[in-house]
Amino acid sequence: KNKAGKAGGVGGPGGAKNAPGSPQVPTQVEAIRAGVDQGVDVEDAMLAMTQHEALMDGVVKIFCTHTEPNFSLPWQRKRQYQSTSTGFVIEKKRILTNAHAVEFHTQVKVKRRGSDTKYVANVLAIGTECDLALLEVEDAEFWKGLPSIQLGPLPRLQDNVVVIGYPIGGDTISVTSGVVSRIEVTSYVHGSSELLGVQIDAAINSGNSGGPSFYGDGTCAGVAFQSLKSDDAENIGYIIPTPIVNHFIQDYEANGRFTGFPTLGIEWQKMESPALREAMGMKHAQKGVLVRRIEPTGSTARSAGKLTPPVDISSGTAVLLEFDGIKIANDGTVPFRSGERIAFSYLVSKKMVGETAKLKLLLGGDEQEASAGKKGGGGSKKRAERTVDVTLRCARRVVPPHSSRYMSVSRGPSYLIVAGLVFTVATVPYLKSEYGKEYDYEAPVKLLDRLLHGMADAEDQQLVVLAHVLACPACFGYEEIVNTAVHSFDGKPLRNLKQLRDGVMQSKQKWLTFGLEYQQTIVLSREAAMSNTEEVLTMHAIPSAMSADLMDDANGDAAAAPLDNGTNPASGSGKQPKRARKK
């Protein structure tokens, strides 16, 4: 099984082993001699070496202490650990590195090349989707004589690049070289996203994360961030190209934080089948992709619904023909550069959140006509092209790949404890905590289905799960229920964990009834549940019956008063311990 692994810090996940025959760093004399042998003037060769020596001074080593939340026991944090990675200086006295290099950081320090002094760094912004982070160092001594590295253009195939960093295997700076072998929309492992990426054949190992890759002229081609781990592949590394880096920096400068990369909020299907195109009423010269599903909270749904008359593209018969005037092929690609094509999602990712894009859609006639076309009994449908202006926004996933966008930077995951029932929100980190790295094989099918295909119907929608049941008299007989989605409380559909908290705190019924996946039902005595909650908290040394985010809302909600009998979690004096900041 092929996996792209992060080139993480020492002792961290990811990173490929050193392949045999990896290029060795030449000495200065050897490099000059090689240049002379190739017909290069001695002075030019010496100038190039001096330039690269100066560039190396702009590459720093990063030391990070991480403290990860315990997603299985969300009121706790795991044991802290350390990692090393690479970063480099850019303009405005900032340091660029990878997001996974400073994930869940509690302390970040940086050290210059050839120095024995470490300086404390602050994290300015973390871009989870693009796996990038910005750091700053307040100590003026750190910046004396430190050169900044200029970002270059997007590389081309067969361009020579040099990767500089502090990988595993030693403490000093390391240099590897290679060529650009592929440029396409790539899966970003840490960000669980699809963005433009560059594949190179230079070795990228654990600790190289965040290091720059240089062109021959000394400008930066991209940021090292992951490598391919496979028995069938050698020396396949990936760098984040400069257009993605510039997008991240511009986003931070414009908004004071990272807002993300926008999406269209649709699922689409290739239309390479002539029969499918004919059934959808497409002309011979028309090309595009079929819009299979549309996210109710996504960019396209919001913008199309505001038109007069409204445009309905949720029927599964709409065809996306163009994005910002660029025609989309039947396989979902658009022209990229001379002789190259790329997935049209690349065009979407170039936009900023809040910007507008023009979509040209091929839409059907009335519903009766569309149904006849679907059944194949009425010939081709009557179709018409229509242009829709879409305001782009970030995707809202029912099971988010990261918790950073949905939990406070200084607090842990959301949770709620009722008697012995421990409720939390389903996220990919939670699934990893419960089922390990193979969670996509080991987790319950229902949860995986929501992860892969679930679409949020509302902005605040979450997938609430009963994580496990702590033994207590009120929960007798339910102890074996684990990791099961909760759909309702007291017969009412459940939208998020806050709604469940409000329902429990405001309930005056004799019984608390929870509706679970697979038509399971849990019924607790309200009086017994309230008295057992305090006992469970004491027994398991849990500081509060709810997470800090839910507690803050409850403290400001007068409607929570009915349950304030001394065991109301919001009225307790215990405070939730602060969590490490995540991205």
Protein backbone atom coordinates (compact mmCIF):
# COMPACT_ATOMS: atom_id res chain seq x y z
CA LYS A 1 0.00 0.00 0.00
CA ASN A 2 1.43 3.34 -1.06
CA LYS A 3 1.39 6.12 1.50
CA ALA A 4 2.68 9.66 1.39
CA GLY A 5 4.26 10.30 4.77
CA LYS A 6 5.09 13.62 6.39
CA ALA A 7 8.77 14.42 6.67
CA GLY A 8 8.27 15.06 10.38
CA GLY A 9 10.69 15.85 13.18
CA VAL A 10 13.00 13.35 14.82
CA GLY A 11 10.92 10.70 16.51
CA GLY A 12 7.78 11.95 14.76
CA PRO A 13 5.63 10.21 12.16
CA GLY A 14 6.57 9.92 8.52
CA GLY A 15 9.86 10.33 6.71
CA ALA A 16 11.46 7.92 4.29
CA LYS A 17 14.66 6.02 4.89
CA ASN A 18 17.85 7.18 3.21
CA ALA A 19 17.96 5.57 -0.20
CA PRO A 20 21.26 3.99 -1.24
CA GLY A 21 23.30 6.15 -3.53
CA SER A 22 21.95 9.45 -2.19
CA PRO A 23 23.99 12.42 -3.47
CA GLN A 24 26.76 13.55 -1.12
CA VAL A 25 27.51 17.19 -0.33
CA PRO A 26 30.63 18.22 -2.28
CA THR A 27 33.36 20.28 -0.65
CA GLN A 28 33.88 23.83 -1.87
CA VAL A 29 37.06 22.86 -3.75
CA GLU A 30 35.33 19.87 -5.39
CA ALA A 31 32.40 22.03 -6.45
CA ILE A 32 34.69 24.65 -8.01
CA ARG A 33 36.74 21.95 -9.74
CA ALA A 34 33.53 20.37 -11.11
CA GLY A 35 32.44 23.73 -12.43
CA VAL A 36 35.78 24.27 -14.19
CA ASP A 37 35.58 20.79 -15.74
CA GLN A 38 32.21 21.75 -17.23
CA GLY A 39 33.64 24.92 -18.75
CA VAL A 40 32.47 27.32 -16.06
CA ASP A 41 34.76 30.22 -15.18
CA VAL A 42 36.52 29.80 -11.81
CA GLU A 43 35.31 33.20 -10.56
CA ASP A 44 31.70 32.34 -11.51
CA ALA A 45 31.94 28.99 -9.72
CA MET A 46 33.36 30.67 -6.59
CA LEU A 47 30.61 33.32 -6.73
CA ALA A 48 27.94 30.60 -6.93
CA MET A 49 29.42 28.81 -3.93
CA THR A 50 29.54 32.05 -1.93
CA GLN A 51 25.92 32.71 -2.78
CA HIS A 52 24.82 29.27 -1.62
CA GLU A 53 26.82 29.65 1.57
CA ALA A 54 24.90 32.85 2.30
CA LEU A 55 21.60 31.12 1.55
CA MET A 56 22.42 28.38 4.04
CA ASP A 57 22.68 31.04 6.75
CA GLY A 58 19.00 31.81 6.15
CA VAL A 59 18.01 28.21 6.99
CA VAL A 60 17.35 27.60 10.70
CA LYS A 61 16.77 24.55 12.87
CA ILE A 62 13.48 24.40 14.77
CA PHE A 63 13.01 22.71 18.14
CA CYS A 64 9.39 22.17 19.17
CA THR A 65 7.79 20.77 22.31
CA HIS A 66 4.37 19.29 21.54
CA THR A 67 1.52 18.50 23.93
CA GLU A 68 -1.28 16.75 22.12
CA PRO A 69 -4.84 16.58 23.47
CA ASN A 70 -6.13 13.14 24.38
CA PHE A 71 -9.12 12.84 22.06
CA SER A 72 -10.27 9.60 23.70
CA LEU A 73 -10.23 11.20 27.17
CA PRO A 74 -10.82 14.82 26.10
CA TRP A 75 -10.33 16.31 29.58
CA GLN A 76 -6.67 15.21 29.51
CA ARG A 77 -3.54 15.87 27.48
CA LYS A 78 -0.93 13.35 26.43
CA ARG A 79 2.68 13.29 27.56
CA GLN A 80 4.69 16.01 25.84
CA TYR A 81 7.34 15.14 23.27
CA GLN A 82 10.00 16.99 21.28
CA SER A 83 10.82 17.16 17.59
CA THR A 84 13.25 18.95 15.30
CA SER A 85 12.53 20.34 11.85
CA THR A 86 13.68 23.06 9.47
CA GLY A 87 12.59 26.58 8.66
CA PHE A 88 13.92 29.51 6.66
CA VAL A 89 13.86 33.27 6.88
CA ILE A 90 11.64 35.27 4.54
CA GLU A 91 10.96 38.99 4.26
CA LYS A 92 9.62 41.10 7.16
CA LYS A 93 11.67 39.09 9.69
CA ARG A 94 9.51 36.01 9.63
CA ILE A 95 10.32 32.29 9.50
CA LEU A 96 8.43 29.86 7.28
CA THR A 97 8.06 26.19 8.18
CA ASN A 98 5.53 23.34 8.08
CA ALA A 99 2.33 23.26 10.12
CA HIS A 100 2.98 19.72 11.31
CA ALA A 101 6.39 20.84 12.61
CA VAL A 102 4.68 23.00 15.26
CA GLU A 103 1.48 20.99 15.73
CA PHE A 104 0.09 21.24 19.29
CA HIS A 105 3.10 23.33 20.26
CA THR A 106 3.72 24.49 23.80
CA GLN A 107 7.18 25.90 23.09
CA VAL A 108 9.06 26.62 19.87
CA LYS A 109 12.78 27.49 19.69
CA VAL A 110 15.01 28.21 16.70
CA LYS A 111 18.77 28.08 16.20
CA ARG A 112 20.86 29.68 13.49
CA ARG A 113 23.41 27.75 11.47
CA GLY A 114 26.72 27.58 13.28
CA SER A 115 25.30 29.04 16.49
CA ASP A 116 25.01 27.45 19.92
CA THR A 117 22.15 29.72 21.04
CA LYS A 118 18.46 28.89 20.83
CA TYR A 119 15.86 31.65 20.62
CA VAL A 120 12.20 31.39 21.61
CA ALA A 121 9.84 31.81 18.65
CA ASN A 122 6.16 32.73 18.53
CA VAL A 123 3.73 31.11 16.10
CA LEU A 124 1.98 33.79 14.05
CA ALA A 125 -0.23 31.62 11.86
CA ILE A 126 -0.79 27.98 10.98
CA GLY A 127 -2.29 26.84 7.69
CA THR A 128 -3.48 23.30 8.24
CA GLU A 129 -4.71 22.65 4.70
CA CYS A 130 -1.45 23.77 3.06
CA ASP A 131 0.83 22.49 5.87
CA LEU A 132 2.53 25.86 6.41
CA ALA A 133 3.26 27.99 9.46
CA LEU A 134 4.74 31.43 10.14
CA LEU A 135 7.00 32.15 13.11
CA GLU A 136 8.57 35.27 14.58
CA VAL A 137 11.48 35.83 16.97
CA GLU A 138 11.35 38.94 19.16
CA ASP A 139 15.02 38.91 20.19
CA ALA A 140 16.81 41.41 17.90
CA GLU A 141 20.10 39.56 18.38
CA PHE A 142 18.75 36.64 16.35
CA TRP A 143 18.25 38.74 13.21
CA LYS A 144 21.70 40.36 13.04
CA GLY A 145 23.27 39.59 9.68
CA LEU A 146 20.61 37.00 8.83
CA PRO A 147 19.70 36.97 5.10
CA SER A 148 16.14 36.51 3.89
CA ILE A 149 15.30 34.04 1.15
CA GLN A 150 13.32 35.21 -1.88
CA LEU A 151 10.47 33.12 -3.26
CA GLY A 152 10.86 32.21 -6.92
CA PRO A 153 8.36 31.19 -9.62
CA LEU A 154 6.63 27.84 -10.06
CA PRO A 155 9.22 25.32 -11.30
CA ARG A 156 9.11 23.46 -14.58
CA LEU A 157 9.75 19.82 -15.30
CA GLN A 158 13.44 18.82 -15.12
CA ASP A 159 14.44 22.00 -13.26
CA ASN A 160 17.38 21.34 -10.94
CA VAL A 161 16.65 21.96 -7.25
CA VAL A 162 18.68 21.73 -4.04
CA VAL A 163 16.97 20.85 -0.75
CA ILE A 164 18.57 22.21 2.43
CA GLY A 165 17.57 21.23 5.95
CA TYR A 166 18.32 19.42 9.18
CA PRO A 167 17.14 15.83 8.58
CA ILE A 168 17.59 12.80 10.78
CA GLY A 169 21.07 11.26 10.77
CA GLY A 170 23.05 14.22 12.11
CA ASP A 171 22.93 17.61 13.79
CA THR A 172 24.42 19.85 11.10
CA ILE A 173 22.88 21.20 7.93
CA SER A 174 22.33 18.79 5.04
CA VAL A 175 22.11 19.36 1.29
CA THR A 176 20.54 17.04 -1.29
CA SER A 177 19.89 17.73 -4.95
CA GLY A 178 17.52 16.49 -7.61
CA VAL A 179 15.20 17.51 -10.42
CA VAL A 180 11.52 18.35 -10.68
CA SER A 181 9.78 15.23 -11.96
CA ARG A 182 6.06 16.04 -11.70
CA ILE A 183 3.73 18.99 -11.07
CA GLU A 184 0.07 18.30 -10.33
CA VAL A 185 -2.70 18.60 -7.75
CA THR A 186 -1.37 16.46 -4.90
CA SER A 187 -2.80 14.99 -1.71
CA TYR A 188 -1.47 16.89 1.31
CA VAL A 189 -1.30 14.23 4.01
CA HIS A 190 -1.28 16.55 7.02
CA GLY A 191 -3.92 18.89 5.64
CA SER A 192 -6.22 16.19 4.20
CA SER A 193 -6.55 18.46 1.18
CA GLU A 194 -5.84 18.48 -2.54
CA LEU A 195 -3.57 21.34 -3.62
CA LEU A 196 -0.86 22.02 -6.17
CA GLY A 197 2.30 20.07 -5.35
CA VAL A 198 5.72 19.45 -6.89
CA GLN A 199 7.37 16.04 -6.91
CA ILE A 200 11.18 15.90 -6.89
CA ASP A 201 13.69 13.06 -6.74
CA ALA A 202 15.83 14.63 -4.01
CA ALA A 203 15.83 12.80 -0.67
CA ILE A 204 13.41 14.35 1.86
CA ASN A 205 13.76 12.68 5.23
CA SER A 206 12.43 13.16 8.73
CA GLY A 207 13.57 16.60 9.91
CA ASN A 208 13.65 18.13 6.42
CA SER A 209 10.13 19.45 7.01
CA GLY A 210 9.89 23.17 6.39
CA GLY A 211 13.25 23.39 4.63
CA PRO A 212 13.62 25.35 1.38
CA SER A 213 14.42 23.96 -2.04
CA PHE A 214 16.49 26.29 -4.20
CA TYR A 215 16.92 26.98 -7.87
CA GLY A 216 20.39 27.55 -9.26
CA ASP A 217 19.92 31.33 -8.98
CA GLY A 218 19.33 31.10 -5.23
CA THR A 219 15.56 31.76 -5.19
CA CYS A 220 13.22 29.37 -3.40
CA ALA A 221 11.29 26.82 -5.47
CA GLY A 222 9.18 25.52 -2.58
CA VAL A 223 9.02 24.07 0.93
CA ALA A 224 9.81 20.41 1.67
CA PHE A 225 6.92 18.71 3.47
CA GLN A 226 6.38 15.01 2.71
CA SER A 227 7.75 11.94 0.95
CA LEU A 228 6.33 8.75 -0.50
CA LYS A 229 6.84 5.64 1.59
CA SER A 230 6.63 2.51 -0.50
CA ASP A 231 8.66 -0.58 -1.28
CA ASP A 232 8.17 0.20 -4.96
CA ALA A 233 9.42 3.80 -4.83
CA GLU A 234 12.72 5.47 -4.03
CA ASN A 235 13.63 9.12 -3.53
CA ILE A 236 10.16 10.53 -4.16
CA GLY A 237 9.76 13.75 -2.23
CA TYR A 238 7.28 16.60 -2.40
CA ILE A 239 7.61 20.34 -1.97
CA ILE A 240 4.93 22.98 -1.50
CA PRO A 241 5.28 25.29 -4.54
CA THR A 242 5.59 29.04 -4.16
CA PRO A 243 2.06 29.88 -5.44
CA ILE A 244 0.63 27.98 -2.45
CA VAL A 245 3.16 29.66 -0.13
CA ASN A 246 2.26 33.13 -1.46
CA HIS A 247 -1.46 32.37 -1.04
CA PHE A 248 -0.87 31.46 2.62
CA ILE A 249 1.23 34.58 3.32
CA GLN A 250 -1.18 36.95 1.53
CA ASP A 251 -4.11 35.42 3.39
CA TYR A 252 -2.39 36.02 6.74
CA GLU A 253 -1.39 39.58 5.86
CA ALA A 254 -4.90 40.47 4.66
CA ASN A 255 -6.84 38.91 7.55
CA GLY A 256 -4.38 38.66 10.43
CA ARG A 257 -4.92 34.89 10.43
CA PHE A 258 -5.16 31.99 8.01
CA THR A 259 -8.71 31.68 6.67
CA GLY A 260 -8.14 28.70 4.38
CA PHE A 261 -8.42 27.65 0.76
CA PRO A 262 -11.93 27.90 -0.71
CA THR A 263 -13.88 25.14 -2.41
CA LEU A 264 -16.91 25.06 -4.69
CA GLY A 265 -18.83 22.78 -2.34
CA ILE A 266 -19.78 20.22 -4.97
CA GLU A 267 -19.08 16.59 -5.81
CA TRP A 268 -18.63 15.95 -9.50
CA GLN A 269 -18.31 13.07 -11.95
CA LYS A 270 -16.32 12.73 -15.15
CA MET A 271 -18.32 12.80 -18.38
CA GLU A 272 -16.07 10.77 -20.65
CA SER A 273 -18.97 8.50 -21.61
CA PRO A 274 -20.65 9.62 -24.89
CA ALA A 275 -23.92 8.08 -23.70
CA LEU A 276 -23.87 10.13 -20.49
CA ARG A 277 -23.19 13.35 -22.38
CA GLU A 278 -26.00 12.69 -24.84
CA ALA A 279 -28.43 11.80 -22.04
CA MET A 280 -27.58 15.08 -20.32
CA GLY A 281 -28.42 17.04 -23.48
CA MET A 282 -24.87 18.16 -24.24
CA LYS A 283 -23.93 19.26 -27.72
CA HIS A 284 -21.03 17.59 -29.50
CA ALA A 285 -18.65 20.48 -28.84
CA GLN A 286 -19.62 20.92 -25.20
CA LYS A 287 -17.44 19.53 -22.43
CA GLY A 288 -17.72 19.56 -18.66
CA VAL A 289 -18.30 17.54 -15.50
CA LEU A 290 -21.56 16.35 -13.96
CA VAL A 291 -22.48 17.90 -10.60
CA ARG A 292 -23.49 14.83 -8.56
CA ARG A 293 -24.08 16.43 -5.16
CA ILE A 294 -23.99 19.91 -3.70
CA GLU A 295 -23.14 20.85 -0.13
CA PRO A 296 -26.06 22.74 1.45
CA THR A 297 -23.65 25.11 3.24
CA GLY A 298 -21.14 25.32 0.38
CA SER A 299 -20.20 28.17 -1.92
CA THR A 300 -22.29 27.08 -4.91
CA ALA A 301 -25.49 26.31 -2.99
CA ARG A 302 -25.45 29.64 -1.17
CA SER A 303 -24.84 31.72 -4.29
CA ALA A 304 -27.22 29.83 -6.61
CA GLY A 305 -30.08 30.06 -4.11
CA LYS A 306 -29.88 33.86 -4.02
CA LEU A 307 -30.43 34.31 -7.77
CA THR A 308 -33.72 35.43 -9.29
CA PRO A 309 -35.11 33.03 -10.30
CA PRO A 310 -33.11 30.63 -8.07
CA VAL A 311 -30.87 28.13 -9.82
CA ASP A 312 -31.41 24.54 -8.65
CA ILE A 313 -28.35 22.41 -9.34
CA SER A 314 -29.05 19.79 -6.68
CA SER A 315 -31.01 17.45 -8.97
CA GLY A 316 -27.89 15.67 -10.23
CA THR A 317 -28.39 16.83 -13.84
CA ALA A 318 -26.40 20.09 -13.87
CA VAL A 319 -23.16 20.16 -15.88
CA LEU A 320 -20.27 22.48 -14.97
CA LEU A 321 -18.84 23.79 -18.26
CA GLU A 322 -16.48 26.63 -17.28
CA PHE A 323 -14.78 28.20 -14.28
CA ASP A 324 -13.95 31.89 -14.67
CA GLY A 325 -14.17 31.57 -18.44
CA ILE A 326 -11.81 28.56 -18.63
CA LYS A 327 -13.39 25.50 -20.22
CA ILE A 328 -13.38 22.29 -18.20
CA ALA A 329 -12.73 19.02 -20.05
CA ASN A 330 -14.80 15.89 -19.62
CA ASP A 331 -12.12 14.44 -17.34
CA GLY A 332 -12.20 17.48 -15.03
CA THR A 333 -8.94 19.06 -16.22
CA VAL A 334 -8.06 22.49 -17.60
CA PRO A 335 -5.05 23.74 -19.60
CA PHE A 336 -2.10 24.39 -17.31
CA ARG A 337 1.04 25.22 -19.26
CA SER A 338 2.33 24.31 -22.67
CA GLY A 339 1.56 20.65 -23.18
CA GLU A 340 0.22 20.18 -19.64
CA ARG A 341 -3.22 19.85 -18.05
CA ILE A 342 -4.24 19.95 -14.41
CA ALA A 343 -7.36 19.31 -12.30
CA PHE A 344 -9.70 22.32 -12.38
CA SER A 345 -9.67 22.45 -8.55
CA TYR A 346 -6.31 24.19 -9.02
CA LEU A 347 -8.20 27.23 -10.35
CA VAL A 348 -10.44 27.25 -7.29
CA SER A 349 -7.50 27.02 -4.87
CA LYS A 350 -5.89 30.10 -6.47
CA LYS A 351 -8.79 32.21 -5.19
CA MET A 352 -9.04 33.76 -1.75
CA VAL A 353 -11.92 33.11 0.63
CA GLY A 354 -14.61 35.69 -0.10
CA GLU A 355 -13.64 36.24 -3.73
CA THR A 356 -16.11 35.70 -6.55
CA ALA A 357 -15.88 33.19 -9.41
CA LYS A 358 -18.06 32.78 -12.48
CA LEU A 359 -19.45 29.31 -13.17
CA LYS A 360 -21.05 28.43 -16.48
CA LEU A 361 -23.59 25.65 -15.98
CA LEU A 362 -25.71 23.59 -18.34
CA LEU A 363 -29.12 23.26 -16.73
CA GLY A 364 -32.23 21.29 -17.61
CA GLY A 365 -35.80 22.43 -18.23
CA ASP A 366 -38.65 21.65 -15.85
CA GLU A 367 -38.58 18.70 -13.46
CA GLN A 368 -41.01 16.65 -15.57
CA GLU A 369 -38.74 16.92 -18.58
CA ALA A 370 -35.65 16.06 -16.56
CA SER A 371 -37.34 12.97 -15.12
CA ALA A 372 -38.28 11.81 -18.58
CA GLY A 373 -34.69 12.21 -19.70
CA LYS A 374 -33.43 10.22 -16.71
CA LYS A 375 -35.73 7.33 -17.55
CA GLY A 376 -34.62 7.43 -21.13
CA GLY A 377 -38.14 7.68 -22.51
CA GLY A 378 -38.23 11.26 -23.66
CA GLY A 379 -35.08 11.71 -25.73
CA SER A 380 -32.52 14.34 -24.77
CA LYS A 381 -33.49 17.07 -22.35
CA LYS A 382 -33.99 20.70 -23.28
CA ARG A 383 -30.93 22.39 -21.85
CA ALA A 384 -29.77 25.97 -21.40
CA GLU A 385 -26.49 27.54 -20.30
CA ARG A 386 -26.50 29.89 -17.34
CA THR A 387 -23.72 31.82 -15.60
CA VAL A 388 -23.66 31.95 -11.81
CA ASP A 389 -21.48 34.25 -9.69
CA VAL A 390 -20.27 32.25 -6.70
CA THR A 391 -18.77 33.76 -3.55
CA LEU A 392 -16.15 31.25 -2.49
CA ARG A 393 -15.87 29.92 1.04
CA CYS A 394 -14.19 27.07 2.90
CA ALA A 395 -15.67 23.61 3.08
CA ARG A 396 -17.66 22.64 6.16
CA ARG A 397 -17.29 18.92 6.86
CA VAL A 398 -19.47 16.86 9.17
CA VAL A 399 -16.38 14.95 10.33
CA PRO A 400 -13.55 17.51 10.04
CA PRO A 401 -10.02 16.26 9.28
CA HIS A 402 -8.62 18.57 11.97
CA SER A 403 -9.97 19.96 15.19
CA SER A 404 -8.17 23.31 14.94
CA ARG A 405 -10.92 25.01 12.96
CA TYR A 406 -13.61 23.82 15.35
CA MET A 407 -11.99 24.05 18.80
CA SER A 408 -10.31 26.85 20.70
CA VAL A 409 -6.56 27.13 20.19
CA SER A 410 -5.92 26.98 23.93
CA ARG A 411 -8.50 24.36 24.88
CA GLY A 412 -9.09 20.72 24.17
CA PRO A 413 -11.83 18.92 22.24
CA SER A 414 -15.47 19.46 23.18
CA TYR A 415 -17.07 16.90 25.49
CA LEU A 416 -20.07 16.44 27.74
CA ILE A 417 -20.51 13.93 30.59
CA VAL A 418 -23.98 12.88 31.75
CA ALA A 419 -23.72 10.33 34.57
CA GLY A 420 -21.25 7.89 32.96
CA LEU A 421 -22.05 8.77 29.34
CA VAL A 422 -19.11 10.53 27.64
CA PHE A 423 -20.17 12.47 24.55
CA THR A 424 -17.77 14.16 22.16
CA VAL A 425 -17.54 15.29 18.52
CA ALA A 426 -16.30 13.00 15.75
CA THR A 427 -13.13 14.24 14.04
CA VAL A 428 -10.30 12.49 12.25
CA PRO A 429 -7.95 12.99 15.24
CA TYR A 430 -10.59 11.34 17.42
CA LEU A 431 -10.84 8.36 15.05
CA LYS A 432 -7.04 8.07 14.99
CA SER A 433 -6.96 8.14 18.76
CA GLU A 434 -9.52 5.34 18.97
CA TYR A 435 -8.45 3.13 16.05
CA GLY A 436 -4.86 4.10 15.25
CA LYS A 437 -3.35 5.06 11.90
CA GLU A 438 -5.48 2.42 10.16
CA TYR A 439 -8.68 4.12 11.31
CA ASP A 440 -9.96 4.19 7.73
CA TYR A 441 -10.14 0.38 7.92
CA GLU A 442 -10.87 -0.18 11.61
CA ALA A 443 -13.48 2.47 12.45
CA PRO A 444 -17.22 1.64 12.25
CA VAL A 445 -18.62 1.76 8.74
CA LYS A 446 -21.29 4.31 9.67
CA LEU A 447 -18.67 6.78 10.96
CA LEU A 448 -16.48 6.28 7.89
CA ASP A 449 -19.47 6.87 5.63
CA ARG A 450 -20.10 10.21 7.33
CA LEU A 451 -16.39 11.02 7.08
CA LEU A 452 -16.20 10.34 3.35
CA HIS A 453 -19.64 11.35 2.14
CA GLY A 454 -21.31 13.37 4.89
CA MET A 455 -22.42 16.92 4.09
CA ALA A 456 -23.37 19.47 6.72
CA ASP A 457 -26.94 20.80 6.52
CA ALA A 458 -26.13 23.73 8.82
CA GLU A 459 -23.08 25.80 9.71
CA ASP A 460 -23.00 24.50 13.27
CA GLN A 461 -23.71 20.85 12.50
CA GLN A 462 -21.53 18.26 14.23
CA LEU A 463 -21.52 14.49 14.45
CA VAL A 464 -22.01 13.80 18.17
CA VAL A 465 -20.79 10.39 19.33
CA LEU A 466 -21.11 8.46 22.55
CA ALA A 467 -17.40 7.74 23.02
CA HIS A 468 -17.74 5.32 25.92
CA VAL A 469 -19.63 4.70 29.14
CA LEU A 470 -18.00 5.07 32.55
CA ALA A 471 -19.50 2.56 34.97
CA CYS A 472 -22.01 3.95 37.46
CA PRO A 473 -25.41 2.87 38.83
CA ALA A 474 -27.37 5.17 36.50
CA CYS A 475 -25.70 3.65 33.41
CA PHE A 476 -26.03 0.01 34.43
CA GLY A 477 -26.39 -2.19 31.33
CA TYR A 478 -24.96 0.32 28.83
CA GLU A 479 -21.24 -0.18 29.50
CA GLU A 480 -20.52 -2.00 26.20
CA ILE A 481 -21.70 0.84 23.95
CA VAL A 482 -18.73 2.69 22.39
CA ASN A 483 -18.14 5.10 19.50
CA THR A 484 -21.74 5.27 18.39
CA ALA A 485 -23.34 8.30 16.74
CA VAL A 486 -26.10 10.08 18.66
CA HIS A 487 -29.00 11.25 16.49
CA SER A 488 -31.62 12.53 18.93
CA PHE A 489 -32.39 13.57 22.48
CA ASP A 490 -35.90 13.22 23.93
CA GLY A 491 -37.17 12.48 20.43
CA LYS A 492 -35.77 15.66 18.85
CA PRO A 493 -33.08 15.51 16.12
CA LEU A 494 -29.63 16.44 17.40
CA ARG A 495 -27.57 19.00 15.49
CA ASN A 496 -24.52 19.48 17.71
CA LEU A 497 -23.05 18.94 21.16
CA LYS A 498 -24.21 22.33 22.43
CA GLN A 499 -27.81 21.42 21.63
CA LEU A 500 -27.40 18.17 23.58
CA ARG A 501 -25.99 20.12 26.54
CA ASP A 502 -28.94 22.53 26.47
CA GLY A 503 -31.42 19.67 26.22
CA VAL A 504 -29.97 17.85 29.22
CA MET A 505 -29.62 20.98 31.36
CA GLN A 506 -33.11 22.27 30.60
CA SER A 507 -34.93 18.95 30.76
CA LYS A 508 -37.66 18.54 33.41
CA GLN A 509 -38.71 15.08 32.28
CA LYS A 510 -38.37 12.04 34.50
CA TRP A 511 -36.32 10.22 31.84
CA LEU A 512 -33.42 11.33 29.65
CA THR A 513 -33.73 9.50 26.32
CA PHE A 514 -30.86 9.33 23.82
CA GLY A 515 -31.41 7.98 20.29
CA LEU A 516 -28.30 6.29 18.85
CA GLU A 517 -27.17 4.78 15.57
CA TYR A 518 -28.69 1.43 14.58
CA GLN A 519 -31.93 2.36 16.38
CA GLN A 520 -30.34 1.90 19.81
CA THR A 521 -31.89 3.75 22.74
CA ILE A 522 -30.42 4.78 26.09
CA VAL A 523 -32.79 5.86 28.85
CA LEU A 524 -31.52 7.31 32.14
CA SER A 525 -33.37 8.48 35.21
CA ARG A 526 -32.84 12.21 35.23
CA GLU A 527 -32.53 12.36 39.02
CA ALA A 528 -30.08 9.43 39.16
CA ALA A 529 -28.04 10.82 36.25
CA MET A 530 -27.58 14.17 37.94
CA SER A 531 -26.49 12.65 41.26
CA ASN A 532 -24.17 10.10 39.58
CA THR A 533 -22.41 12.74 37.47
CA GLU A 534 -20.59 14.22 40.45
CA GLU A 535 -19.56 10.75 41.65
CA VAL A 536 -18.15 9.85 38.24
CA LEU A 537 -16.17 13.09 38.06
CA THR A 538 -14.64 12.46 41.48
CA MET A 539 -13.87 8.80 40.79
CA HIS A 540 -12.06 9.52 37.51
CA ALA A 541 -10.46 12.83 38.57
CA ILE A 542 -12.29 14.72 35.82
CA PRO A 543 -12.20 18.50 36.44
CA SER A 544 -15.55 19.29 34.85
CA ALA A 545 -18.57 17.59 33.31
CA MET A 546 -18.19 19.62 30.15
CA SER A 547 -15.42 21.18 28.09
CA ALA A 548 -14.42 24.81 28.52
CA ASP A 549 -16.20 25.97 25.36
CA LEU A 550 -19.52 24.48 26.48
CA MET A 551 -19.01 25.78 30.01
CA ASP A 552 -18.50 29.36 28.78
CA ASP A 553 -21.77 29.22 26.83
CA ALA A 554 -23.61 27.67 29.76
CA ASN A 555 -22.40 30.28 32.24
CA GLY A 556 -23.89 32.99 30.08
CA ASP A 557 -27.18 31.17 29.51
CA ALA A 558 -29.90 31.88 32.05
CA ALA A 559 -31.93 29.02 30.60
CA ALA A 560 -29.51 26.59 32.20
CA ALA A 561 -30.89 27.32 35.68
CA PRO A 562 -33.40 24.42 35.96
CA LEU A 563 -30.59 21.89 36.45
CA ASP A 564 -28.56 23.93 38.93
CA ASN A 565 -28.88 21.58 41.90
CA GLY A 566 -25.26 21.59 42.94
CA THR A 567 -24.26 19.04 40.29
CA ASN A 568 -24.83 21.34 37.32
CA PRO A 569 -21.46 21.29 35.51
CA ALA A 570 -21.70 24.98 34.72
CA SER A 571 -21.99 25.92 38.38
CA GLY A 572 -18.89 24.07 39.54
CA SER A 573 -15.75 25.87 40.61
CA GLY A 574 -13.38 23.55 38.77
CA LYS A 575 -11.82 25.01 35.66
CA GLN A 576 -10.89 23.15 32.52
CA PRO A 577 -7.09 23.06 32.17
CA LYS A 578 -5.75 24.97 29.20
CA ARG A 579 -4.90 23.01 26.10
CA ALA A 580 -1.91 23.29 23.82
CA ARG A 581 -2.53 25.41 20.79
CA LYS A 582 -3.16 23.46 17.63
CA LYS A 583 -2.41 25.03 14.30
